[in-house]
């Protein structure tokens, strides 16, 4: 399968990316890392083993796009707009549900500090981890 920089990701390629992304060690590494080129090189190698020929930059771009689209749909749903959807929402929800999100909290002195919270946490979902 020929995949260049300008080629769209097929459904099978996205499913392969999601399967690698869903692995616990990958999720943990992606979560706290800002300089993540090495992780995406590893993901690209894993995808090659699954028959998907994408370089690390393409994997990183697709990861970021999927994550952005997921958060947009999730925000819309939380705001009451259930008309907004995306193809792999449920897969991404399973992957990203427990990922801490950094939120800015205003302090007394007017500066903002980063605090971590988790999306969709409840006593029942926490015990499943």
N, C-alpha and C. Protein backbone atom coordinates (compact mmCIF):
# COMPACT_ATOMS: atom_id res chain seq x y z
N UNK A 1 0.85 -1.18 0.00
CA UNK A 1 0.00 0.00 0.00
C UNK A 1 0.89 1.24 0.00
N UNK A 2 0.67 2.11 -0.94
CA UNK A 2 1.46 3.34 -1.09
C UNK A 2 0.79 4.47 -0.31
N UNK A 3 1.54 5.09 0.59
CA UNK A 3 0.98 6.19 1.39
C UNK A 3 1.97 7.34 1.42
N UNK A 4 1.61 8.44 0.81
CA UNK A 4 2.48 9.60 0.81
C UNK A 4 1.97 10.67 1.73
N UNK A 5 2.68 11.79 1.77
CA UNK A 5 2.34 12.88 2.68
C UNK A 5 0.96 13.45 2.38
N UNK A 6 0.57 13.49 1.09
CA UNK A 6 -0.70 14.07 0.72
C UNK A 6 -1.85 13.09 0.71
N UNK A 7 -1.58 11.85 1.02
CA UNK A 7 -2.62 10.82 0.96
C UNK A 7 -3.48 10.84 2.22
N UNK A 8 -4.77 10.63 2.03
CA UNK A 8 -5.68 10.55 3.17
C UNK A 8 -5.50 9.21 3.86
N UNK A 9 -5.76 9.19 5.14
CA UNK A 9 -5.68 7.95 5.91
C UNK A 9 -6.94 7.13 5.61
N UNK A 10 -6.75 5.86 5.32
CA UNK A 10 -7.89 4.97 5.11
C UNK A 10 -8.44 4.58 6.47
N UNK A 11 -9.64 4.02 6.46
CA UNK A 11 -10.27 3.57 7.70
C UNK A 11 -9.40 2.50 8.38
N UNK A 12 -8.82 1.61 7.60
CA UNK A 12 -7.96 0.55 8.16
C UNK A 12 -6.71 1.13 8.81
N UNK A 13 -6.15 2.18 8.19
CA UNK A 13 -4.96 2.83 8.75
C UNK A 13 -5.29 3.50 10.08
N UNK A 14 -6.44 4.16 10.14
CA UNK A 14 -6.84 4.83 11.38
C UNK A 14 -7.10 3.79 12.47
N UNK A 15 -7.74 2.68 12.11
CA UNK A 15 -7.99 1.61 13.08
C UNK A 15 -6.68 1.05 13.62
N UNK A 16 -5.68 0.89 12.75
CA UNK A 16 -4.38 0.40 13.18
C UNK A 16 -3.73 1.41 14.14
N UNK A 17 -3.80 2.69 13.80
CA UNK A 17 -3.25 3.73 14.68
C UNK A 17 -3.95 3.69 16.04
N UNK A 18 -5.26 3.57 16.04
CA UNK A 18 -6.01 3.52 17.29
C UNK A 18 -5.65 2.29 18.12
N UNK A 19 -5.40 1.17 17.45
CA UNK A 19 -5.05 -0.04 18.19
C UNK A 19 -3.70 0.11 18.87
N UNK A 20 -2.73 0.75 18.21
CA UNK A 20 -1.43 0.99 18.81
C UNK A 20 -1.57 2.04 19.92
N UNK A 21 -2.30 3.09 19.65
CA UNK A 21 -2.50 4.19 20.59
C UNK A 21 -3.20 3.70 21.86
N UNK A 22 -4.06 2.71 21.74
CA UNK A 22 -4.84 2.25 22.88
C UNK A 22 -4.01 1.43 23.88
N UNK A 23 -2.81 1.03 23.49
CA UNK A 23 -1.97 0.26 24.40
C UNK A 23 -1.57 1.13 25.59
N UNK A 24 -1.65 0.54 26.77
CA UNK A 24 -1.44 1.30 28.00
C UNK A 24 -0.08 2.00 28.04
N UNK A 25 0.98 1.31 27.63
CA UNK A 25 2.31 1.93 27.70
C UNK A 25 2.44 3.11 26.74
N UNK A 26 1.79 3.03 25.58
CA UNK A 26 1.81 4.14 24.62
C UNK A 26 1.04 5.32 25.19
N UNK A 27 -0.15 5.06 25.73
CA UNK A 27 -0.95 6.14 26.33
C UNK A 27 -0.18 6.84 27.44
N UNK A 28 0.49 6.06 28.27
CA UNK A 28 1.24 6.66 29.38
C UNK A 28 2.38 7.53 28.86
N UNK A 29 3.09 7.05 27.84
CA UNK A 29 4.21 7.81 27.29
C UNK A 29 3.73 9.08 26.59
N UNK A 30 2.62 8.99 25.88
CA UNK A 30 2.11 10.17 25.17
C UNK A 30 1.56 11.21 26.13
N UNK A 31 1.03 10.76 27.25
CA UNK A 31 0.37 11.70 28.15
C UNK A 31 1.30 12.79 28.70
N UNK A 32 2.39 12.42 29.30
CA UNK A 32 3.18 13.43 29.97
C UNK A 32 4.34 13.99 29.19
N UNK A 33 4.45 13.68 27.92
CA UNK A 33 5.64 14.05 27.17
C UNK A 33 5.37 15.16 26.18
N UNK A 34 6.19 16.18 26.22
CA UNK A 34 6.07 17.26 25.23
C UNK A 34 6.93 16.96 24.02
N UNK A 35 8.12 16.46 24.23
CA UNK A 35 9.01 16.09 23.13
C UNK A 35 8.80 14.60 22.86
N UNK A 36 7.89 14.32 21.93
CA UNK A 36 7.44 12.94 21.76
C UNK A 36 7.82 12.34 20.40
N UNK A 37 8.82 12.87 19.74
CA UNK A 37 9.22 12.35 18.44
C UNK A 37 9.56 10.86 18.53
N UNK A 38 10.27 10.47 19.56
CA UNK A 38 10.66 9.06 19.72
C UNK A 38 9.48 8.13 19.84
N UNK A 39 8.45 8.58 20.53
CA UNK A 39 7.24 7.77 20.69
C UNK A 39 6.57 7.58 19.33
N UNK A 40 6.51 8.65 18.54
CA UNK A 40 5.87 8.54 17.23
C UNK A 40 6.72 7.75 16.23
N UNK A 41 8.03 7.76 16.39
CA UNK A 41 8.88 6.89 15.57
C UNK A 41 8.54 5.44 15.89
N UNK A 42 8.39 5.14 17.18
CA UNK A 42 8.01 3.79 17.61
C UNK A 42 6.63 3.41 17.07
N UNK A 43 5.67 4.34 17.16
CA UNK A 43 4.32 4.08 16.64
C UNK A 43 4.36 3.81 15.14
N UNK A 44 5.15 4.59 14.40
CA UNK A 44 5.27 4.38 12.94
C UNK A 44 5.85 3.00 12.65
N UNK A 45 6.83 2.56 13.44
CA UNK A 45 7.40 1.22 13.25
C UNK A 45 6.37 0.14 13.54
N UNK A 46 5.59 0.34 14.60
CA UNK A 46 4.54 -0.62 14.93
C UNK A 46 3.49 -0.68 13.82
N UNK A 47 3.16 0.48 13.26
CA UNK A 47 2.19 0.51 12.17
C UNK A 47 2.73 -0.20 10.94
N UNK A 48 4.04 -0.06 10.69
CA UNK A 48 4.64 -0.77 9.55
C UNK A 48 4.49 -2.28 9.72
N UNK A 49 4.64 -2.76 10.96
CA UNK A 49 4.45 -4.18 11.23
C UNK A 49 3.01 -4.60 10.92
N UNK A 50 2.08 -3.67 11.01
CA UNK A 50 0.66 -3.94 10.72
C UNK A 50 0.32 -3.64 9.26
N UNK A 51 1.32 -3.27 8.46
CA UNK A 51 1.10 -3.02 7.04
C UNK A 51 0.73 -1.59 6.69
N UNK A 52 0.91 -0.66 7.62
CA UNK A 52 0.59 0.75 7.39
C UNK A 52 1.90 1.52 7.25
N UNK A 53 2.13 2.07 6.07
CA UNK A 53 3.39 2.79 5.80
C UNK A 53 3.18 4.30 5.98
N UNK A 54 3.42 4.77 7.17
CA UNK A 54 3.32 6.19 7.51
C UNK A 54 4.57 6.57 8.30
N UNK A 55 5.07 7.79 8.08
CA UNK A 55 6.23 8.20 8.87
C UNK A 55 5.76 8.81 10.19
N UNK A 56 6.71 9.11 11.06
CA UNK A 56 6.36 9.58 12.40
C UNK A 56 5.62 10.91 12.37
N UNK A 57 5.94 11.77 11.40
CA UNK A 57 5.27 13.07 11.32
C UNK A 57 3.80 12.90 10.94
N UNK A 58 3.54 11.97 10.03
CA UNK A 58 2.15 11.71 9.64
C UNK A 58 1.37 11.13 10.82
N UNK A 59 2.01 10.23 11.57
CA UNK A 59 1.35 9.63 12.74
C UNK A 59 1.04 10.70 13.78
N UNK A 60 1.99 11.59 14.01
CA UNK A 60 1.81 12.65 15.00
C UNK A 60 0.70 13.60 14.55
N UNK A 61 0.68 13.96 13.28
CA UNK A 61 -0.35 14.86 12.77
C UNK A 61 -1.74 14.22 12.88
N UNK A 62 -1.84 12.94 12.54
CA UNK A 62 -3.13 12.25 12.63
C UNK A 62 -3.58 12.14 14.08
N UNK A 63 -2.65 11.84 14.97
CA UNK A 63 -2.93 11.77 16.40
C UNK A 63 -3.50 13.10 16.90
N UNK A 64 -2.83 14.19 16.54
CA UNK A 64 -3.28 15.51 16.98
C UNK A 64 -4.64 15.86 16.39
N UNK A 65 -4.85 15.55 15.12
CA UNK A 65 -6.14 15.85 14.47
C UNK A 65 -7.28 15.05 15.09
N UNK A 66 -7.04 13.76 15.34
CA UNK A 66 -8.07 12.93 15.95
C UNK A 66 -8.40 13.42 17.36
N UNK A 67 -7.38 13.77 18.10
CA UNK A 67 -7.56 14.25 19.47
C UNK A 67 -8.35 15.56 19.47
N UNK A 68 -8.02 16.48 18.56
CA UNK A 68 -8.72 17.75 18.46
C UNK A 68 -10.19 17.53 18.10
N UNK A 69 -10.43 16.68 17.09
CA UNK A 69 -11.80 16.42 16.65
C UNK A 69 -12.60 15.77 17.77
N UNK A 70 -11.98 14.84 18.50
CA UNK A 70 -12.64 14.18 19.62
C UNK A 70 -13.06 15.21 20.67
N UNK A 71 -12.13 16.09 21.04
CA UNK A 71 -12.43 17.08 22.08
C UNK A 71 -13.52 18.05 21.63
N UNK A 72 -13.55 18.38 20.34
CA UNK A 72 -14.59 19.26 19.80
C UNK A 72 -15.96 18.59 19.93
N UNK A 73 -16.05 17.33 19.55
CA UNK A 73 -17.31 16.58 19.63
C UNK A 73 -17.71 16.39 21.09
N UNK A 74 -16.74 16.06 21.93
CA UNK A 74 -17.01 15.85 23.36
C UNK A 74 -17.56 17.13 24.00
N UNK A 75 -16.94 18.26 23.68
CA UNK A 75 -17.41 19.55 24.21
C UNK A 75 -18.84 19.83 23.73
N UNK A 76 -19.11 19.56 22.46
CA UNK A 76 -20.45 19.78 21.91
C UNK A 76 -21.46 18.90 22.64
N UNK A 77 -21.12 17.64 22.88
CA UNK A 77 -22.03 16.73 23.58
C UNK A 77 -22.28 17.22 25.01
N UNK A 78 -21.22 17.65 25.68
CA UNK A 78 -21.36 18.16 27.05
C UNK A 78 -22.18 19.44 27.09
N UNK A 79 -22.23 20.17 25.97
CA UNK A 79 -23.01 21.40 25.88
C UNK A 79 -24.44 21.14 25.42
N UNK A 80 -24.76 19.88 25.17
CA UNK A 80 -26.12 19.53 24.76
C UNK A 80 -26.32 19.33 23.28
N UNK A 81 -25.29 19.54 22.48
CA UNK A 81 -25.40 19.37 21.02
C UNK A 81 -24.97 17.95 20.66
N UNK A 82 -25.94 17.05 20.51
CA UNK A 82 -25.62 15.66 20.18
C UNK A 82 -25.59 15.43 18.67
N UNK A 83 -25.79 16.49 17.89
CA UNK A 83 -25.77 16.35 16.44
C UNK A 83 -24.35 16.24 15.90
N UNK A 84 -23.37 16.76 16.64
CA UNK A 84 -21.98 16.73 16.19
C UNK A 84 -21.41 15.33 16.47
N UNK A 85 -20.88 14.70 15.43
CA UNK A 85 -20.34 13.34 15.59
C UNK A 85 -19.04 13.20 14.82
N UNK A 86 -18.36 12.10 15.06
CA UNK A 86 -17.17 11.74 14.29
C UNK A 86 -17.11 10.22 14.21
N UNK A 87 -16.40 9.72 13.23
CA UNK A 87 -16.41 8.29 12.94
C UNK A 87 -15.88 7.43 14.09
N UNK A 88 -14.75 7.78 14.67
CA UNK A 88 -14.11 6.93 15.67
C UNK A 88 -14.29 7.47 17.09
N UNK A 89 -15.41 8.17 17.32
CA UNK A 89 -15.61 8.81 18.62
C UNK A 89 -15.55 7.82 19.78
N UNK A 90 -16.24 6.70 19.66
CA UNK A 90 -16.31 5.74 20.77
C UNK A 90 -14.95 5.10 21.04
N UNK A 91 -14.19 4.84 19.99
CA UNK A 91 -12.84 4.29 20.16
C UNK A 91 -11.95 5.31 20.88
N UNK A 92 -12.02 6.56 20.44
CA UNK A 92 -11.22 7.61 21.06
C UNK A 92 -11.67 7.88 22.49
N UNK A 93 -12.96 7.79 22.73
CA UNK A 93 -13.48 8.00 24.07
C UNK A 93 -12.90 6.96 25.03
N UNK A 94 -12.82 5.72 24.56
CA UNK A 94 -12.24 4.66 25.39
C UNK A 94 -10.76 4.92 25.67
N UNK A 95 -10.05 5.49 24.71
CA UNK A 95 -8.62 5.77 24.87
C UNK A 95 -8.41 7.01 25.74
N UNK A 96 -9.16 8.07 25.47
CA UNK A 96 -8.91 9.37 26.10
C UNK A 96 -9.72 9.63 27.37
N UNK A 97 -10.65 8.77 27.70
CA UNK A 97 -11.55 9.01 28.82
C UNK A 97 -10.81 9.31 30.12
N UNK A 98 -9.73 8.61 30.39
CA UNK A 98 -9.06 8.76 31.68
C UNK A 98 -7.83 9.64 31.60
N UNK A 99 -7.61 10.27 30.45
CA UNK A 99 -6.41 11.10 30.28
C UNK A 99 -6.60 12.41 31.03
N UNK A 100 -5.69 12.73 31.94
CA UNK A 100 -5.81 14.01 32.64
C UNK A 100 -5.71 15.17 31.67
N UNK A 101 -6.50 16.19 31.90
CA UNK A 101 -6.50 17.38 31.06
C UNK A 101 -5.99 18.53 31.91
N UNK A 102 -5.05 19.28 31.38
CA UNK A 102 -4.53 20.43 32.11
C UNK A 102 -5.49 21.60 31.92
N UNK A 103 -5.94 22.14 33.04
CA UNK A 103 -6.83 23.29 33.00
C UNK A 103 -6.14 24.44 33.72
N UNK A 104 -6.35 25.65 33.24
CA UNK A 104 -5.77 26.81 33.88
C UNK A 104 -6.70 27.31 34.98
N UNK A 105 -6.14 27.50 36.15
CA UNK A 105 -6.92 28.01 37.28
C UNK A 105 -6.34 29.35 37.69
N UNK A 106 -7.21 30.34 37.86
CA UNK A 106 -6.75 31.68 38.25
C UNK A 106 -6.37 31.67 39.73
N UNK A 107 -5.22 32.24 40.03
CA UNK A 107 -4.79 32.37 41.41
C UNK A 107 -5.10 33.78 41.89
N UNK A 108 -4.96 33.99 43.22
CA UNK A 108 -5.28 35.30 43.78
C UNK A 108 -4.45 36.42 43.17
N UNK A 109 -3.18 36.15 42.86
CA UNK A 109 -2.31 37.21 42.35
C UNK A 109 -2.49 37.49 40.86
N UNK A 110 -3.52 36.91 40.24
CA UNK A 110 -3.82 37.21 38.86
C UNK A 110 -3.14 36.31 37.84
N UNK A 111 -2.19 35.49 38.29
CA UNK A 111 -1.54 34.56 37.36
C UNK A 111 -2.37 33.30 37.26
N UNK A 112 -2.08 32.52 36.24
CA UNK A 112 -2.78 31.25 36.06
C UNK A 112 -1.83 30.12 36.39
N UNK A 113 -2.37 29.08 36.98
CA UNK A 113 -1.56 27.89 37.23
C UNK A 113 -2.25 26.71 36.57
N UNK A 114 -1.48 25.72 36.22
CA UNK A 114 -2.05 24.54 35.57
C UNK A 114 -2.45 23.53 36.63
N UNK A 115 -3.66 23.03 36.51
CA UNK A 115 -4.12 21.96 37.40
C UNK A 115 -4.59 20.82 36.54
N UNK A 116 -4.41 19.60 37.03
CA UNK A 116 -4.83 18.44 36.25
C UNK A 116 -6.14 17.90 36.79
N UNK A 117 -7.06 17.61 35.88
CA UNK A 117 -8.30 16.96 36.23
C UNK A 117 -8.52 15.84 35.23
N UNK A 118 -9.43 14.93 35.56
CA UNK A 118 -9.70 13.85 34.63
C UNK A 118 -11.08 14.04 34.01
N UNK A 119 -11.19 13.65 32.74
CA UNK A 119 -12.46 13.70 32.05
C UNK A 119 -13.32 12.53 32.49
N UNK A 120 -14.62 12.78 32.66
CA UNK A 120 -15.59 11.72 32.92
C UNK A 120 -15.20 10.78 34.04
N UNK A 121 -14.74 11.26 35.14
CA UNK A 121 -14.42 10.34 36.22
C UNK A 121 -15.61 10.23 37.15
N UNK A 122 -15.85 9.04 37.57
CA UNK A 122 -16.89 8.77 38.54
C UNK A 122 -16.42 7.59 39.36
N UNK A 123 -17.01 7.32 40.52
CA UNK A 123 -16.55 6.20 41.33
C UNK A 123 -16.59 4.87 40.58
N UNK A 124 -17.56 4.69 39.66
CA UNK A 124 -17.63 3.43 38.94
C UNK A 124 -16.55 3.30 37.89
N UNK A 125 -16.21 4.39 37.19
CA UNK A 125 -15.19 4.29 36.15
C UNK A 125 -13.80 4.21 36.75
N UNK A 126 -13.58 4.84 37.92
CA UNK A 126 -12.27 4.78 38.55
C UNK A 126 -11.93 3.37 39.00
N UNK A 127 -12.93 2.61 39.45
CA UNK A 127 -12.64 1.28 39.94
C UNK A 127 -12.31 0.31 38.82
N UNK A 128 -12.67 0.63 37.58
CA UNK A 128 -12.37 -0.24 36.44
C UNK A 128 -10.91 -0.18 36.03
N UNK A 129 -10.22 0.89 36.42
CA UNK A 129 -8.83 1.02 36.04
C UNK A 129 -8.05 0.08 36.87
